[in-house]
N, C-alpha and C. Protein backbone atom coordinates (compact mmCIF):
# COMPACT_ATOMS: atom_id res chain seq x y z
N UNK A 1 49.87 126.80 133.26
CA UNK A 1 50.64 127.25 132.12
C UNK A 1 50.74 126.13 131.09
N UNK A 2 50.49 126.46 129.86
CA UNK A 2 50.48 125.49 128.78
C UNK A 2 51.91 125.24 128.27
N UNK A 3 52.24 123.98 128.05
CA UNK A 3 53.57 123.61 127.55
C UNK A 3 53.53 123.58 126.03
N UNK A 4 54.35 124.40 125.39
CA UNK A 4 54.41 124.43 123.93
C UNK A 4 55.47 123.44 123.46
N UNK A 5 55.16 122.79 122.37
CA UNK A 5 56.12 121.85 121.79
C UNK A 5 56.92 122.56 120.71
N UNK A 6 58.22 122.38 120.74
CA UNK A 6 59.10 123.00 119.76
C UNK A 6 59.03 122.22 118.45
N UNK A 7 58.78 122.92 117.32
CA UNK A 7 58.75 122.23 116.03
C UNK A 7 60.12 121.65 115.67
N UNK A 8 60.10 120.58 114.90
CA UNK A 8 61.34 119.90 114.52
C UNK A 8 62.27 120.82 113.74
N UNK A 9 61.71 121.62 112.82
CA UNK A 9 62.55 122.53 112.03
C UNK A 9 63.26 123.53 112.93
N UNK A 10 62.55 124.07 113.91
CA UNK A 10 63.16 125.02 114.84
C UNK A 10 64.28 124.34 115.64
N UNK A 11 64.07 123.13 116.05
CA UNK A 11 65.12 122.38 116.77
C UNK A 11 66.35 122.21 115.90
N UNK A 12 66.14 121.83 114.64
CA UNK A 12 67.27 121.63 113.71
C UNK A 12 68.01 122.94 113.48
N UNK A 13 67.26 124.03 113.24
CA UNK A 13 67.89 125.34 113.03
C UNK A 13 68.73 125.75 114.23
N UNK A 14 68.17 125.55 115.42
CA UNK A 14 68.89 125.94 116.64
C UNK A 14 70.16 125.11 116.81
N UNK A 15 70.07 123.81 116.57
CA UNK A 15 71.26 122.95 116.70
C UNK A 15 72.33 123.37 115.71
N UNK A 16 71.93 123.66 114.47
CA UNK A 16 72.90 124.12 113.47
C UNK A 16 73.54 125.45 113.90
N UNK A 17 72.73 126.33 114.48
CA UNK A 17 73.26 127.61 114.96
C UNK A 17 74.17 127.40 116.17
N UNK A 18 73.80 126.49 117.07
CA UNK A 18 74.67 126.20 118.22
C UNK A 18 76.03 125.74 117.72
N UNK A 19 76.03 124.88 116.73
CA UNK A 19 77.30 124.35 116.20
C UNK A 19 78.08 125.46 115.49
N UNK A 20 77.43 126.15 114.55
CA UNK A 20 78.12 127.18 113.75
C UNK A 20 78.55 128.39 114.56
N UNK A 21 77.62 128.98 115.29
CA UNK A 21 77.94 130.18 116.06
C UNK A 21 78.83 129.85 117.25
N UNK A 22 78.58 128.71 117.88
CA UNK A 22 79.42 128.30 119.01
C UNK A 22 80.86 128.08 118.61
N UNK A 23 81.06 127.37 117.52
CA UNK A 23 82.42 127.13 117.03
C UNK A 23 83.08 128.44 116.61
N UNK A 24 82.35 129.28 115.88
CA UNK A 24 82.91 130.56 115.43
C UNK A 24 83.25 131.45 116.61
N UNK A 25 82.40 131.45 117.62
CA UNK A 25 82.67 132.27 118.81
C UNK A 25 83.97 131.82 119.48
N UNK A 26 84.14 130.53 119.64
CA UNK A 26 85.35 130.01 120.28
C UNK A 26 86.60 130.29 119.45
N UNK A 27 86.51 130.08 118.14
CA UNK A 27 87.65 130.31 117.26
C UNK A 27 88.03 131.79 117.25
N UNK A 28 87.03 132.66 117.13
CA UNK A 28 87.32 134.10 117.13
C UNK A 28 87.90 134.56 118.47
N UNK A 29 87.38 134.04 119.56
CA UNK A 29 87.94 134.37 120.87
C UNK A 29 89.38 133.90 121.00
N UNK A 30 89.64 132.70 120.53
CA UNK A 30 91.00 132.15 120.57
C UNK A 30 91.94 132.99 119.70
N UNK A 31 91.48 133.34 118.48
CA UNK A 31 92.32 134.15 117.59
C UNK A 31 92.59 135.53 118.17
N UNK A 32 91.61 136.10 118.87
CA UNK A 32 91.83 137.39 119.51
C UNK A 32 92.99 137.29 120.51
N UNK A 33 93.04 136.18 121.23
CA UNK A 33 94.06 136.01 122.27
C UNK A 33 95.45 135.74 121.70
N UNK A 34 95.54 135.06 120.56
CA UNK A 34 96.85 134.66 120.04
C UNK A 34 97.19 135.30 118.69
N UNK A 35 96.47 136.34 118.29
CA UNK A 35 96.64 136.85 116.93
C UNK A 35 98.03 137.40 116.66
N UNK A 36 98.72 137.92 117.64
CA UNK A 36 100.08 138.41 117.39
C UNK A 36 100.99 137.29 116.91
N UNK A 37 100.87 136.11 117.50
CA UNK A 37 101.67 134.96 117.06
C UNK A 37 101.23 134.50 115.67
N UNK A 38 99.93 134.50 115.42
CA UNK A 38 99.41 134.10 114.11
C UNK A 38 99.89 135.07 113.04
N UNK A 39 99.87 136.36 113.35
CA UNK A 39 100.32 137.38 112.40
C UNK A 39 101.79 137.17 112.02
N UNK A 40 102.61 136.83 113.02
CA UNK A 40 104.03 136.55 112.75
C UNK A 40 104.21 135.44 111.73
N UNK A 41 103.46 134.37 111.91
CA UNK A 41 103.54 133.24 110.98
C UNK A 41 103.13 133.68 109.58
N UNK A 42 102.05 134.44 109.45
CA UNK A 42 101.58 134.90 108.14
C UNK A 42 102.59 135.84 107.50
N UNK A 43 103.20 136.69 108.31
CA UNK A 43 104.19 137.62 107.77
C UNK A 43 105.43 136.88 107.28
N UNK A 44 105.80 135.80 107.94
CA UNK A 44 106.97 135.01 107.53
C UNK A 44 106.68 134.20 106.28
N UNK A 45 105.49 133.60 106.21
CA UNK A 45 105.15 132.74 105.09
C UNK A 45 104.64 133.51 103.89
N UNK A 46 103.72 134.44 104.10
CA UNK A 46 103.16 135.23 103.01
C UNK A 46 102.04 134.52 102.27
N UNK A 47 102.22 133.22 102.00
CA UNK A 47 101.18 132.46 101.34
C UNK A 47 101.12 131.06 101.96
N UNK A 48 100.07 130.36 101.61
CA UNK A 48 99.83 129.05 102.22
C UNK A 48 99.35 128.10 101.14
N UNK A 49 99.86 126.90 101.15
CA UNK A 49 99.43 125.87 100.20
C UNK A 49 98.28 125.08 100.80
N UNK A 50 97.18 124.98 100.05
CA UNK A 50 96.03 124.20 100.51
C UNK A 50 95.45 123.46 99.32
N UNK A 51 95.49 122.15 99.39
CA UNK A 51 94.96 121.28 98.34
C UNK A 51 95.51 121.66 96.96
N UNK A 52 96.79 121.94 96.90
CA UNK A 52 97.44 122.24 95.64
C UNK A 52 97.29 123.68 95.17
N UNK A 53 96.58 124.50 95.90
CA UNK A 53 96.40 125.90 95.52
C UNK A 53 97.14 126.79 96.51
N UNK A 54 97.70 127.86 95.98
CA UNK A 54 98.39 128.82 96.84
C UNK A 54 97.41 129.91 97.25
N UNK A 55 97.32 130.16 98.55
CA UNK A 55 96.41 131.16 99.09
C UNK A 55 97.24 132.29 99.68
N UNK A 56 97.00 133.51 99.20
CA UNK A 56 97.71 134.68 99.70
C UNK A 56 97.05 135.16 100.99
N UNK A 57 97.79 135.11 102.08
CA UNK A 57 97.26 135.51 103.39
C UNK A 57 97.89 136.81 103.89
N UNK A 58 98.55 137.53 103.01
CA UNK A 58 99.25 138.74 103.43
C UNK A 58 98.30 139.81 103.97
N UNK A 59 97.04 139.81 103.51
CA UNK A 59 96.08 140.81 104.00
C UNK A 59 95.83 140.66 105.50
N UNK A 60 96.09 139.48 106.06
CA UNK A 60 95.88 139.26 107.48
C UNK A 60 96.88 140.04 108.34
N UNK A 61 97.98 140.43 107.75
CA UNK A 61 99.00 141.18 108.51
C UNK A 61 98.49 142.56 108.93
N UNK A 62 97.49 143.08 108.22
CA UNK A 62 97.00 144.43 108.50
C UNK A 62 95.71 144.44 109.33
N UNK A 63 95.22 143.29 109.73
CA UNK A 63 93.97 143.23 110.49
C UNK A 63 94.27 143.44 111.98
N UNK A 64 93.40 144.17 112.62
CA UNK A 64 93.49 144.36 114.07
C UNK A 64 92.95 143.12 114.77
N UNK A 65 93.54 142.77 115.88
CA UNK A 65 93.03 141.63 116.64
C UNK A 65 91.62 141.90 117.17
N UNK A 66 91.25 143.17 117.23
CA UNK A 66 89.90 143.54 117.69
C UNK A 66 88.82 143.00 116.76
N UNK A 67 89.18 142.78 115.50
CA UNK A 67 88.24 142.18 114.55
C UNK A 67 87.70 140.87 115.10
N UNK A 68 88.58 140.05 115.63
CA UNK A 68 88.19 138.73 116.13
C UNK A 68 87.35 138.84 117.40
N UNK A 69 87.66 139.82 118.24
CA UNK A 69 86.85 140.02 119.44
C UNK A 69 85.43 140.44 119.07
N UNK A 70 85.30 141.40 118.14
CA UNK A 70 83.97 141.86 117.72
C UNK A 70 83.19 140.74 117.05
N UNK A 71 83.87 139.94 116.22
CA UNK A 71 83.19 138.82 115.56
C UNK A 71 82.74 137.79 116.60
N UNK A 72 83.60 137.53 117.58
CA UNK A 72 83.24 136.58 118.64
C UNK A 72 82.06 137.07 119.46
N UNK A 73 82.03 138.37 119.74
CA UNK A 73 80.90 138.91 120.51
C UNK A 73 79.61 138.85 119.70
N UNK A 74 79.69 139.12 118.41
CA UNK A 74 78.50 139.02 117.56
C UNK A 74 78.02 137.57 117.48
N UNK A 75 78.96 136.63 117.42
CA UNK A 75 78.58 135.21 117.42
C UNK A 75 77.94 134.83 118.74
N UNK A 76 78.41 135.41 119.83
CA UNK A 76 77.80 135.16 121.14
C UNK A 76 76.35 135.65 121.15
N UNK A 77 76.10 136.82 120.58
CA UNK A 77 74.73 137.35 120.50
C UNK A 77 73.87 136.41 119.65
N UNK A 78 74.42 135.94 118.55
CA UNK A 78 73.70 135.00 117.69
C UNK A 78 73.37 133.72 118.45
N UNK A 79 74.34 133.21 119.18
CA UNK A 79 74.16 131.99 119.98
C UNK A 79 73.12 132.21 121.08
N UNK A 80 73.16 133.37 121.72
CA UNK A 80 72.18 133.70 122.76
C UNK A 80 70.77 133.74 122.18
N UNK A 81 70.65 134.35 121.00
CA UNK A 81 69.35 134.41 120.35
C UNK A 81 68.82 133.02 120.01
N UNK A 82 69.69 132.17 119.50
CA UNK A 82 69.28 130.80 119.15
C UNK A 82 68.88 130.04 120.41
N UNK A 83 69.61 130.23 121.50
CA UNK A 83 69.27 129.55 122.75
C UNK A 83 67.90 129.99 123.24
N UNK A 84 67.61 131.29 123.13
CA UNK A 84 66.30 131.78 123.55
C UNK A 84 65.19 131.23 122.64
N UNK A 85 65.46 131.16 121.33
CA UNK A 85 64.45 130.59 120.43
C UNK A 85 64.26 129.10 120.72
N UNK A 86 65.34 128.41 121.11
CA UNK A 86 65.24 127.01 121.50
C UNK A 86 64.30 126.86 122.69
N UNK A 87 64.29 127.88 123.54
CA UNK A 87 63.38 127.90 124.69
C UNK A 87 62.03 128.53 124.34
N UNK A 88 61.82 128.76 123.05
CA UNK A 88 60.58 129.31 122.51
C UNK A 88 60.30 130.74 122.98
N UNK A 89 61.37 131.52 123.10
CA UNK A 89 61.24 132.94 123.47
C UNK A 89 61.46 133.78 122.22
N UNK A 90 60.46 134.57 121.89
CA UNK A 90 60.46 135.36 120.66
C UNK A 90 61.58 136.39 120.60
N UNK A 91 61.99 136.92 121.75
CA UNK A 91 63.05 137.95 121.73
C UNK A 91 64.36 137.38 121.18
N UNK A 92 64.52 136.07 121.24
CA UNK A 92 65.71 135.44 120.67
C UNK A 92 65.81 135.67 119.18
N UNK A 93 64.67 135.72 118.49
CA UNK A 93 64.67 135.98 117.05
C UNK A 93 65.29 137.33 116.76
N UNK A 94 64.92 138.33 117.54
CA UNK A 94 65.45 139.68 117.32
C UNK A 94 66.94 139.74 117.57
N UNK A 95 67.39 139.10 118.64
CA UNK A 95 68.84 139.04 118.92
C UNK A 95 69.58 138.38 117.76
N UNK A 96 69.04 137.25 117.32
CA UNK A 96 69.68 136.50 116.24
C UNK A 96 69.75 137.34 114.96
N UNK A 97 68.64 137.95 114.58
CA UNK A 97 68.60 138.74 113.35
C UNK A 97 69.57 139.92 113.41
N UNK A 98 69.62 140.61 114.54
CA UNK A 98 70.55 141.74 114.70
C UNK A 98 72.00 141.24 114.61
N UNK A 99 72.28 140.11 115.23
CA UNK A 99 73.63 139.55 115.19
C UNK A 99 74.04 139.22 113.75
N UNK A 100 73.11 138.70 112.96
CA UNK A 100 73.45 138.36 111.58
C UNK A 100 73.79 139.60 110.76
N UNK A 101 73.08 140.69 111.01
CA UNK A 101 73.39 141.95 110.32
C UNK A 101 74.77 142.44 110.75
N UNK A 102 75.03 142.40 112.04
CA UNK A 102 76.33 142.83 112.56
C UNK A 102 77.46 141.98 111.97
N UNK A 103 77.22 140.67 111.87
CA UNK A 103 78.25 139.77 111.33
C UNK A 103 78.54 140.04 109.85
N UNK A 104 77.61 140.63 109.13
CA UNK A 104 77.86 141.01 107.74
C UNK A 104 78.60 142.34 107.64
N UNK A 105 78.44 143.19 108.64
CA UNK A 105 79.04 144.53 108.61
C UNK A 105 80.49 144.53 109.13
N UNK A 106 80.75 143.81 110.21
CA UNK A 106 82.08 143.85 110.85
C UNK A 106 83.23 143.56 109.87
N UNK A 107 83.15 142.51 109.05
CA UNK A 107 84.28 142.25 108.14
C UNK A 107 84.55 143.43 107.19
N UNK A 108 83.51 144.10 106.71
CA UNK A 108 83.72 145.24 105.81
C UNK A 108 84.37 146.42 106.54
N UNK A 109 84.12 146.55 107.84
CA UNK A 109 84.73 147.63 108.60
C UNK A 109 86.22 147.39 108.82
N UNK A 110 86.59 146.15 109.06
CA UNK A 110 87.99 145.84 109.38
C UNK A 110 88.80 145.44 108.15
N UNK A 111 88.14 144.88 107.14
CA UNK A 111 88.84 144.42 105.93
C UNK A 111 88.08 144.96 104.71
N UNK A 112 88.23 146.25 104.40
CA UNK A 112 87.46 146.85 103.31
C UNK A 112 87.70 146.21 101.95
N UNK A 113 88.83 145.56 101.77
CA UNK A 113 89.15 144.96 100.46
C UNK A 113 88.40 143.65 100.20
N UNK A 114 87.71 143.14 101.21
CA UNK A 114 86.97 141.89 101.01
C UNK A 114 85.85 142.10 99.99
N UNK A 115 85.59 141.08 99.17
CA UNK A 115 84.47 141.21 98.23
C UNK A 115 83.13 141.19 98.98
N UNK A 116 82.08 141.55 98.29
CA UNK A 116 80.75 141.56 98.88
C UNK A 116 80.42 140.15 99.39
N UNK A 117 79.95 140.03 100.63
CA UNK A 117 79.72 138.70 101.23
C UNK A 117 78.39 138.09 100.78
N UNK A 118 78.25 137.82 99.49
CA UNK A 118 76.98 137.34 98.94
C UNK A 118 76.57 135.99 99.56
N UNK A 119 77.48 135.04 99.62
CA UNK A 119 77.14 133.72 100.16
C UNK A 119 76.74 133.81 101.63
N UNK A 120 77.52 134.56 102.42
CA UNK A 120 77.21 134.73 103.83
C UNK A 120 75.85 135.39 104.02
N UNK A 121 75.56 136.39 103.15
CA UNK A 121 74.29 137.08 103.24
C UNK A 121 73.12 136.15 102.91
N UNK A 122 73.30 135.29 101.92
CA UNK A 122 72.24 134.36 101.53
C UNK A 122 71.99 133.33 102.63
N UNK A 123 73.05 132.80 103.21
CA UNK A 123 72.89 131.82 104.30
C UNK A 123 72.19 132.48 105.49
N UNK A 124 72.63 133.68 105.85
CA UNK A 124 72.00 134.40 106.95
C UNK A 124 70.53 134.67 106.65
N UNK A 125 70.23 135.08 105.43
CA UNK A 125 68.84 135.38 105.05
C UNK A 125 67.96 134.14 105.14
N UNK A 126 68.48 133.00 104.71
CA UNK A 126 67.70 131.75 104.78
C UNK A 126 67.41 131.40 106.24
N UNK A 127 68.44 131.47 107.09
CA UNK A 127 68.24 131.14 108.50
C UNK A 127 67.26 132.12 109.16
N UNK A 128 67.43 133.42 108.90
CA UNK A 128 66.52 134.41 109.50
C UNK A 128 65.10 134.16 109.02
N UNK A 129 64.92 133.88 107.75
CA UNK A 129 63.59 133.61 107.21
C UNK A 129 62.97 132.36 107.85
N UNK A 130 63.76 131.30 107.98
CA UNK A 130 63.23 130.07 108.59
C UNK A 130 62.93 130.27 110.07
N UNK A 131 63.77 131.01 110.76
CA UNK A 131 63.47 131.33 112.16
C UNK A 131 62.20 132.19 112.24
N UNK A 132 62.07 133.13 111.31
CA UNK A 132 60.89 134.00 111.29
C UNK A 132 59.61 133.19 111.13
N UNK A 133 59.66 132.19 110.26
CA UNK A 133 58.48 131.34 110.05
C UNK A 133 58.13 130.53 111.29
N UNK A 134 59.06 130.37 112.20
CA UNK A 134 58.82 129.62 113.43
C UNK A 134 58.46 130.53 114.61
N UNK A 135 58.39 131.84 114.40
CA UNK A 135 58.06 132.77 115.49
C UNK A 135 56.68 132.50 116.07
N UNK A 136 55.80 131.95 115.26
CA UNK A 136 54.43 131.69 115.75
C UNK A 136 54.39 130.70 116.91
N UNK A 137 55.46 129.91 117.05
CA UNK A 137 55.52 128.94 118.14
C UNK A 137 56.18 129.50 119.39
N UNK A 138 56.64 130.76 119.29
CA UNK A 138 57.36 131.39 120.40
C UNK A 138 56.47 132.40 121.10
N UNK A 139 56.81 132.67 122.35
CA UNK A 139 56.05 133.68 123.07
C UNK A 139 56.96 134.80 123.56
């Protein structure tokens, strides 16, 4: 059996995905577990000061904790896909791409008032495109 060498770009993409999706998965899982307490704080405060700007967080009072579970599961799928691509398995690309689509849809289902996720869509598109260009090294 021939040993394939992983391209540097693919390694960098996977590491960035491990960091981003891994962190998001953990944070979303944690928020799912403690969201009732977080909601109480948001309901009491109503807004939050950050770097001199006031941020209205009242919309969080109406979100279901299931939002965080679904986001965490989608991040897990994304992480699984990246891990498989790190191992040069082509099916990881499909998992990753599907997870990115799901991650763009879930927020609109749970928080319809959110604006169109243009930045998130562009970042996802760039990563999917770069992963796609590396599929030739996967089996």
